[in-house]
Amino acid sequence: MCTFDHLFLFFFVKTNINEKGWISETKSSPFFFFFKMFTGQQYNEIGFGLGFRIIKDFVSKNNGRLDIESLLGEGASIIIYLPASENALNIFEEKLREYNDSPIKKDLLSGKSILIVDDDPLILLHLRSILQPYVSIIEAKNGIEGIEEAKKNIPDLIVSDVEMPEMDGIEMFRTIKENTHTSNIPLLFLSANNSTNERLSGLSYGAIDYIAKPFDEKEFILKICNILLWQRNQQVQILANTYNNDETKNEQINPLLKQLLDVIKENYTQPDFSFDDIAQALGMSKSTLSRRLKSLTDKSPVEILSEYRLNKAKQLLKDSTMTISEVAYSVGFNDPLYFSRKYKENFGITPSEEKG
């Protein structure tokens, strides 16, 4: 039960916890740092007090006061006093503008999917509310579910708690890294346990970063943007290397990009091989394929096909005695003049200059 009242210059909030458990304060100061909660149903279950830590930080930053009354077997009462202010709405609006003006790369997030793994439904709800405006969300409640969802959906990023029932986040990530289909998915750990040993343990298994709860929402989204930008740059580099080498077995290559390159490799010499054929071969709509590849490499399927053909032509011009027209036809161009124009646009020199 919550009751609200306005007492002169303070807002007053009182919340009663009706469980038969109790709350143990580890510090005597009214503005506590950490609490442990023992529930009546499962007395041996000890919470980390993340919710209380969030409340403490909020109340402290707003010059308020927090009181707790707790008795074993009777539950607890939490009383929060916050100063009222006529400028409160203006401050809120200013913070909202700052958040909206943050340099979030929406184009980078568009078309991405993120798997969230956490056993706390409130944390799942909170993370979903933060990320859903930008990306597609997949959810799992523990490490076992997380592995299944990762295999089924191949998300662009996994955001996971560490301590969970059935299987923890570290064991889940170890299993995901051992699977060839999911090994290239980056993972970001979120945890209320911010000990050095746990952070090092998570990072030692290859986690891309580790963020302590509670966290700043803007920083959280920007870190995700940076991870995805790093991932895009990695795929662009792999793509560039592949143009000069038929082998595409690099374990870090994205599965979709690998499938696309395999299809192009088999069909690039056909002049009538088109975007429609690529989408059909991959079993995807043209719009979905374009969106996913744009997010992954910042290139369209047609651009990748054209670059692949031009790089094959570059090798032939250097290593064979074929004429320019023969090279153009052999890599899928049906107009040598158009081929020459695209070649110069891509490499900065004409095919004749390349051939010497």
Protein backbone atom coordinates (compact mmCIF):
# COMPACT_ATOMS: atom_id res chain seq x y z
CA MET A 1 0.00 0.00 0.00
CA CYS A 2 1.25 3.50 -0.87
CA THR A 3 -0.12 6.80 0.45
CA PHE A 4 0.75 10.29 -0.85
CA ASP A 5 0.38 13.60 0.91
CA HIS A 6 1.63 17.17 0.42
CA LEU A 7 2.97 18.61 3.65
CA PHE A 8 4.01 22.22 3.28
CA LEU A 9 7.35 22.10 1.44
CA PHE A 10 7.61 18.31 1.25
CA PHE A 11 6.02 15.47 -0.65
CA PHE A 12 5.41 12.56 1.70
CA VAL A 13 5.30 8.95 0.48
CA LYS A 14 4.78 5.94 2.74
CA THR A 15 5.00 2.34 1.53
CA ASN A 16 4.18 -0.73 3.62
CA ILE A 17 5.75 -4.12 2.89
CA ASN A 18 3.30 -6.68 4.20
CA GLU A 19 5.53 -9.75 3.98
CA LYS A 20 6.53 -11.49 7.20
CA GLY A 21 10.15 -10.86 6.43
CA TRP A 22 12.41 -8.08 7.59
CA ILE A 23 15.01 -5.66 6.26
CA SER A 24 18.50 -5.61 7.71
CA GLU A 25 20.33 -2.28 7.51
CA THR A 26 24.06 -2.75 7.13
CA LYS A 27 24.82 0.89 7.98
CA SER A 28 23.28 2.99 10.71
CA SER A 29 23.00 6.15 8.64
CA PRO A 30 19.43 7.05 7.55
CA PHE A 31 20.81 7.45 4.02
CA PHE A 32 21.94 3.86 3.78
CA PHE A 33 24.22 2.43 1.16
CA PHE A 34 23.04 -1.17 1.07
CA PHE A 35 20.20 -3.29 2.47
CA LYS A 36 19.52 -6.99 2.66
CA MET A 37 15.97 -8.32 2.58
CA PHE A 38 14.94 -11.69 4.02
CA THR A 39 11.57 -12.98 2.81
CA GLY A 40 9.13 -14.91 4.94
CA GLN A 41 8.51 -17.48 2.23
CA GLN A 42 12.19 -18.23 1.61
CA TYR A 43 14.12 -17.05 4.63
CA ASN A 44 17.47 -18.11 3.21
CA GLU A 45 16.97 -15.96 0.12
CA ILE A 46 18.94 -12.73 0.49
CA GLY A 47 18.37 -9.90 -1.94
CA PHE A 48 21.07 -7.48 -3.04
CA GLY A 49 18.88 -4.47 -2.32
CA LEU A 50 19.13 -2.99 -5.81
CA GLY A 51 15.70 -1.36 -5.49
CA PHE A 52 16.69 0.27 -2.20
CA ARG A 53 19.96 1.48 -3.72
CA ILE A 54 18.04 3.15 -6.56
CA ILE A 55 15.65 4.77 -4.05
CA LYS A 56 18.56 5.96 -1.91
CA ASP A 57 20.33 7.56 -4.89
CA PHE A 58 17.12 9.24 -6.07
CA VAL A 59 16.22 10.61 -2.64
CA SER A 60 19.76 11.82 -1.95
CA LYS A 61 20.04 13.63 -5.29
CA ASN A 62 16.75 15.39 -4.60
CA ASN A 63 17.68 16.55 -1.07
CA GLY A 64 15.10 14.30 0.53
CA ARG A 65 14.92 12.04 3.55
CA LEU A 66 14.20 8.32 3.85
CA ASP A 67 13.07 6.51 7.03
CA ILE A 68 12.52 2.77 7.53
CA GLU A 69 10.67 0.92 10.28
CA SER A 70 11.12 -2.87 10.17
CA LEU A 71 10.19 -5.66 12.58
CA LEU A 72 10.67 -9.39 12.06
CA GLY A 73 7.32 -11.03 11.40
CA GLU A 74 5.47 -7.75 10.91
CA GLY A 75 6.95 -6.37 7.68
CA ALA A 76 8.36 -2.91 7.07
CA SER A 77 7.33 0.69 6.41
CA ILE A 78 9.38 2.92 4.15
CA ILE A 79 8.82 6.66 4.38
CA ILE A 80 10.22 9.06 1.78
CA TYR A 81 10.27 12.85 2.15
CA LEU A 82 11.02 14.90 -0.95
CA PRO A 83 11.13 18.70 -1.13
CA ALA A 84 8.41 20.27 -3.25
CA SER A 85 9.41 22.88 -5.79
CA GLU A 86 7.61 25.09 -8.25
CA ASN A 87 10.51 24.50 -10.66
CA ALA A 88 10.20 20.71 -10.55
CA LEU A 89 8.33 20.51 -13.86
CA ASN A 90 10.83 22.83 -15.56
CA ILE A 91 13.73 20.73 -14.30
CA PHE A 92 12.05 17.56 -15.57
CA GLU A 93 11.46 19.10 -19.00
CA GLU A 94 15.08 20.26 -19.17
CA LYS A 95 16.35 16.76 -18.36
CA LEU A 96 14.00 15.31 -20.95
CA ARG A 97 15.38 17.68 -23.61
CA GLU A 98 18.94 16.70 -22.68
CA TYR A 99 18.02 13.03 -23.08
CA ASN A 100 16.31 13.56 -26.43
CA ASP A 101 19.26 15.59 -27.71
CA SER A 102 21.80 12.87 -26.87
CA PRO A 103 23.89 11.63 -29.83
CA ILE A 104 22.11 8.27 -30.18
CA LYS A 105 22.79 6.76 -33.61
CA LYS A 106 19.24 5.71 -34.52
CA ASP A 107 20.27 4.59 -38.02
CA LEU A 108 22.84 2.26 -36.47
CA LEU A 109 20.22 0.73 -34.18
CA SER A 110 17.54 0.40 -36.86
CA GLY A 111 16.88 -3.23 -37.77
CA LYS A 112 18.96 -4.57 -34.88
CA SER A 113 17.76 -7.14 -32.35
CA ILE A 114 18.94 -7.41 -28.75
CA LEU A 115 18.45 -10.39 -26.45
CA ILE A 116 17.86 -9.41 -22.81
CA VAL A 117 18.48 -12.12 -20.21
CA ASP A 118 17.40 -11.40 -16.62
CA ASP A 119 15.38 -13.29 -14.02
CA ASP A 120 13.83 -10.11 -12.60
CA PRO A 121 10.63 -9.19 -14.51
CA LEU A 122 10.92 -5.55 -13.42
CA ILE A 123 14.45 -5.30 -14.82
CA LEU A 124 13.24 -6.90 -18.07
CA LEU A 125 10.42 -4.38 -18.23
CA HIS A 126 12.78 -1.48 -17.55
CA LEU A 127 15.32 -2.56 -20.18
CA ARG A 128 12.57 -3.16 -22.70
CA SER A 129 11.20 0.35 -22.14
CA ILE A 130 14.68 1.82 -22.74
CA LEU A 131 15.55 -0.17 -25.86
CA GLN A 132 12.26 -0.85 -27.61
CA PRO A 133 12.06 2.58 -29.30
CA TYR A 134 15.27 1.70 -31.16
CA VAL A 135 15.61 -2.08 -31.60
CA SER A 136 13.70 -5.36 -31.63
CA ILE A 137 13.69 -7.03 -28.21
CA ILE A 138 13.98 -10.74 -27.37
CA GLU A 139 13.66 -11.80 -23.72
CA ALA A 140 14.83 -14.74 -21.61
CA LYS A 141 14.50 -15.36 -17.86
CA ASN A 142 17.66 -17.39 -17.25
CA GLY A 143 20.79 -18.68 -18.93
CA ILE A 144 19.16 -21.81 -20.36
CA GLU A 145 16.42 -19.78 -22.05
CA GLY A 146 19.07 -17.30 -23.17
CA ILE A 147 21.01 -20.01 -25.03
CA GLU A 148 17.86 -21.21 -26.81
CA GLU A 149 16.83 -17.70 -27.84
CA ALA A 150 20.35 -16.91 -29.04
CA LYS A 151 20.39 -20.04 -31.24
CA LYS A 152 16.90 -19.39 -32.58
CA ASN A 153 17.16 -15.66 -33.29
CA ILE A 154 20.92 -14.88 -33.65
CA PRO A 155 20.60 -11.40 -32.09
CA ASP A 156 23.03 -8.58 -32.77
CA LEU A 157 23.79 -8.19 -29.06
CA ILE A 158 23.06 -9.93 -25.75
CA VAL A 159 22.49 -7.92 -22.57
CA SER A 160 22.55 -10.26 -19.56
CA ASP A 161 22.46 -10.35 -15.80
CA VAL A 162 25.15 -12.46 -14.14
CA GLU A 163 23.45 -14.12 -11.17
CA MET A 164 20.36 -16.06 -12.30
CA PRO A 165 18.65 -19.35 -11.36
CA GLU A 166 19.18 -22.59 -13.33
CA MET A 167 22.16 -21.15 -15.23
CA ASP A 168 24.06 -17.93 -14.57
CA GLY A 169 25.14 -15.42 -17.20
CA ILE A 170 28.78 -16.48 -17.28
CA GLU A 171 27.98 -20.15 -17.91
CA MET A 172 25.43 -19.12 -20.55
CA PHE A 173 28.01 -16.96 -22.34
CA ARG A 174 30.61 -19.74 -22.22
CA THR A 175 28.12 -22.08 -23.94
CA ILE A 176 27.17 -19.45 -26.52
CA LYS A 177 30.85 -18.84 -27.39
CA GLU A 178 31.38 -22.58 -27.96
CA ASN A 179 28.61 -22.74 -30.58
CA THR A 180 29.75 -21.79 -34.09
CA HIS A 181 26.37 -20.22 -34.93
CA THR A 182 26.34 -17.91 -31.90
CA SER A 183 30.03 -17.42 -31.10
CA ASN A 184 30.26 -14.02 -32.79
CA ILE A 185 27.41 -12.42 -30.79
CA PRO A 186 28.81 -9.73 -28.44
CA LEU A 187 27.61 -9.69 -24.83
CA LEU A 188 27.20 -6.88 -22.33
CA PHE A 189 26.88 -7.85 -18.65
CA LEU A 190 24.60 -5.93 -16.27
CA SER A 191 24.84 -6.81 -12.58
CA ALA A 192 24.13 -5.42 -9.13
CA ASN A 193 27.21 -7.28 -7.90
CA ASN A 194 30.01 -4.93 -8.89
CA SER A 195 32.91 -6.77 -7.25
CA THR A 196 36.22 -6.74 -9.07
CA ASN A 197 36.37 -10.55 -9.18
CA GLU A 198 32.98 -10.84 -10.87
CA ARG A 199 33.77 -8.09 -13.37
CA LEU A 200 37.08 -9.76 -14.28
CA SER A 201 35.38 -13.15 -14.53
CA GLY A 202 32.82 -11.85 -17.01
CA LEU A 203 35.37 -9.94 -19.07
CA SER A 204 37.80 -12.88 -19.13
CA TYR A 205 35.24 -14.97 -21.03
CA GLY A 206 35.04 -12.35 -23.76
CA ALA A 207 32.21 -10.07 -22.63
CA ILE A 208 32.50 -6.75 -24.45
CA ASP A 209 31.71 -4.69 -21.33
CA TYR A 210 30.34 -4.85 -17.79
CA ILE A 211 27.93 -2.27 -16.37
CA ALA A 212 26.91 -2.06 -12.72
CA LYS A 213 23.27 -1.62 -11.73
CA PRO A 214 21.83 0.93 -11.31
CA PHE A 215 23.09 2.52 -14.51
CA ASP A 216 22.63 5.74 -16.46
CA GLU A 217 20.19 5.11 -19.32
CA LYS A 218 21.91 7.45 -21.76
CA GLU A 219 25.32 5.91 -21.08
CA PHE A 220 23.79 2.44 -21.48
CA ILE A 221 22.35 3.21 -24.93
CA LEU A 222 25.53 4.96 -26.10
CA LYS A 223 27.61 1.95 -25.05
CA ILE A 224 25.31 -0.27 -27.08
CA CYS A 225 25.76 2.08 -30.05
CA ASN A 226 29.53 1.87 -29.70
CA ILE A 227 29.43 -1.93 -29.52
CA LEU A 228 27.27 -2.14 -32.64
CA LEU A 229 29.48 0.39 -34.45
CA TRP A 230 32.53 -1.70 -33.62
CA GLN A 231 30.66 -4.77 -34.89
CA ARG A 232 29.77 -2.98 -38.14
CA ASN A 233 33.38 -1.87 -38.73
CA GLN A 234 34.50 -5.44 -38.11
CA GLN A 235 32.08 -6.82 -40.72
CA VAL A 236 33.07 -4.14 -43.24
CA GLN A 237 36.71 -5.15 -42.83
CA ILE A 238 35.84 -8.84 -43.21
CA LEU A 239 33.87 -7.98 -46.34
CA ALA A 240 36.83 -6.07 -47.81
CA ASN A 241 39.16 -8.99 -47.10
CA THR A 242 36.72 -11.44 -48.66
CA TYR A 243 36.66 -9.55 -51.95
CA ASN A 244 40.24 -10.67 -52.49
CA ASN A 245 39.83 -14.19 -51.15
CA ASP A 246 37.19 -16.81 -51.89
CA GLU A 247 37.47 -18.23 -48.37
CA THR A 248 34.69 -16.83 -46.12
CA LYS A 249 35.18 -19.12 -43.13
CA ASN A 250 36.24 -16.35 -40.79
CA GLU A 251 34.60 -17.28 -37.46
CA GLN A 252 33.79 -13.63 -36.79
CA ILE A 253 31.72 -13.14 -39.94
CA ASN A 254 28.03 -12.49 -39.43
CA PRO A 255 25.91 -15.50 -40.54
CA LEU A 256 23.75 -13.33 -42.82
CA LEU A 257 26.79 -11.79 -44.50
CA LYS A 258 28.31 -15.26 -44.90
CA GLN A 259 25.14 -16.53 -46.59
CA LEU A 260 25.01 -13.50 -48.88
CA LEU A 261 28.63 -13.93 -49.98
CA ASP A 262 28.08 -17.62 -50.64
CA VAL A 263 25.11 -16.81 -52.89
CA ILE A 264 27.03 -14.07 -54.72
CA LYS A 265 30.06 -16.33 -55.19
CA GLU A 266 27.90 -18.92 -56.94
CA ASN A 267 26.06 -16.47 -59.20
CA TYR A 268 28.05 -13.26 -59.77
CA THR A 269 29.11 -14.23 -63.31
CA GLN A 270 25.48 -14.23 -64.48
CA PRO A 271 24.60 -10.79 -65.97
CA ASP A 272 20.92 -11.13 -65.08
CA PHE A 273 21.59 -12.07 -61.44
CA SER A 274 19.76 -9.34 -59.50
CA PHE A 275 18.65 -8.07 -56.12
CA ASP A 276 15.42 -10.06 -56.51
CA ASP A 277 17.43 -13.26 -56.99
CA ILE A 278 19.54 -12.56 -53.89
CA ALA A 279 16.48 -11.96 -51.69
CA GLN A 280 14.81 -15.11 -52.99
CA ALA A 281 17.92 -17.23 -52.44
CA LEU A 282 18.17 -15.99 -48.83
CA GLY A 283 14.45 -16.45 -48.21
CA MET A 284 13.93 -12.83 -47.18
CA SER A 285 11.93 -9.89 -48.43
CA LYS A 286 13.89 -7.19 -50.26
CA SER A 287 13.05 -4.58 -47.63
CA THR A 288 14.12 -6.79 -44.71
CA LEU A 289 17.34 -7.82 -46.44
CA SER A 290 18.19 -4.21 -47.31
CA ARG A 291 17.52 -3.04 -43.75
CA ARG A 292 19.60 -5.78 -42.13
CA LEU A 293 22.56 -5.39 -44.49
CA LYS A 294 22.49 -1.61 -44.17
CA SER A 295 22.61 -1.98 -40.40
CA LEU A 296 25.31 -4.63 -40.59
CA THR A 297 27.67 -3.14 -43.22
CA ASP A 298 26.19 0.26 -44.18
CA LYS A 299 25.87 -1.15 -47.73
CA SER A 300 22.97 -2.40 -49.84
CA PRO A 301 22.88 -5.90 -51.42
CA VAL A 302 23.36 -4.35 -54.87
CA GLU A 303 26.44 -2.43 -53.67
CA ILE A 304 27.98 -5.60 -52.25
CA LEU A 305 27.29 -7.53 -55.47
CA SER A 306 28.82 -4.75 -57.57
CA GLU A 307 31.90 -4.47 -55.33
CA TYR A 308 32.38 -8.23 -55.46
CA ARG A 309 32.27 -8.23 -59.27
CA LEU A 310 34.63 -5.27 -59.55
CA ASN A 311 37.18 -6.83 -57.21
CA LYS A 312 37.10 -10.07 -59.19
CA ALA A 313 37.65 -7.97 -62.31
CA LYS A 314 40.62 -6.27 -60.65
CA GLN A 315 42.28 -9.64 -60.07
CA LEU A 316 41.68 -10.71 -63.69
CA LEU A 317 43.05 -7.44 -65.10
CA LYS A 318 46.24 -7.91 -63.10
CA ASP A 319 46.75 -11.65 -63.50
CA SER A 320 45.31 -12.63 -66.91
CA THR A 321 45.72 -11.78 -70.58
CA MET A 322 41.98 -11.22 -71.05
CA THR A 323 40.80 -8.02 -72.73
CA ILE A 324 38.82 -5.44 -70.78
CA SER A 325 35.59 -6.49 -72.51
CA GLU A 326 36.26 -10.15 -71.75
CA VAL A 327 36.88 -9.33 -68.11
CA ALA A 328 33.68 -7.28 -67.93
CA TYR A 329 31.57 -10.10 -69.36
CA SER A 330 33.26 -12.74 -67.19
CA VAL A 331 32.30 -11.00 -63.93
CA GLY A 332 28.67 -10.35 -64.86
CA PHE A 333 28.66 -6.97 -66.64
CA ASN A 334 26.91 -6.96 -70.04
CA ASP A 335 28.17 -3.48 -71.03
CA PRO A 336 31.96 -2.87 -71.09
CA LEU A 337 31.51 0.93 -71.10
CA TYR A 338 29.33 0.79 -67.98
CA PHE A 339 31.87 -1.59 -66.43
CA SER A 340 34.71 0.88 -67.10
CA ARG A 341 32.74 3.75 -65.56
CA LYS A 342 31.90 1.75 -62.39
CA TYR A 343 35.49 0.54 -62.15
CA LYS A 344 36.86 4.08 -62.08
CA GLU A 345 34.23 5.18 -59.56
CA ASN A 346 35.25 2.35 -57.26
CA PHE A 347 39.05 2.30 -57.65
CA GLY A 348 39.86 5.78 -58.96
CA ILE A 349 41.56 4.49 -62.12
CA THR A 350 40.29 3.04 -65.41
CA PRO A 351 40.58 -0.68 -66.29
CA SER A 352 43.14 0.29 -68.95
CA GLU A 353 45.31 2.03 -66.36
CA GLU A 354 44.94 -0.99 -64.07
CA LYS A 355 46.03 -3.35 -66.82
CA GLY A 356 48.98 -1.13 -67.67
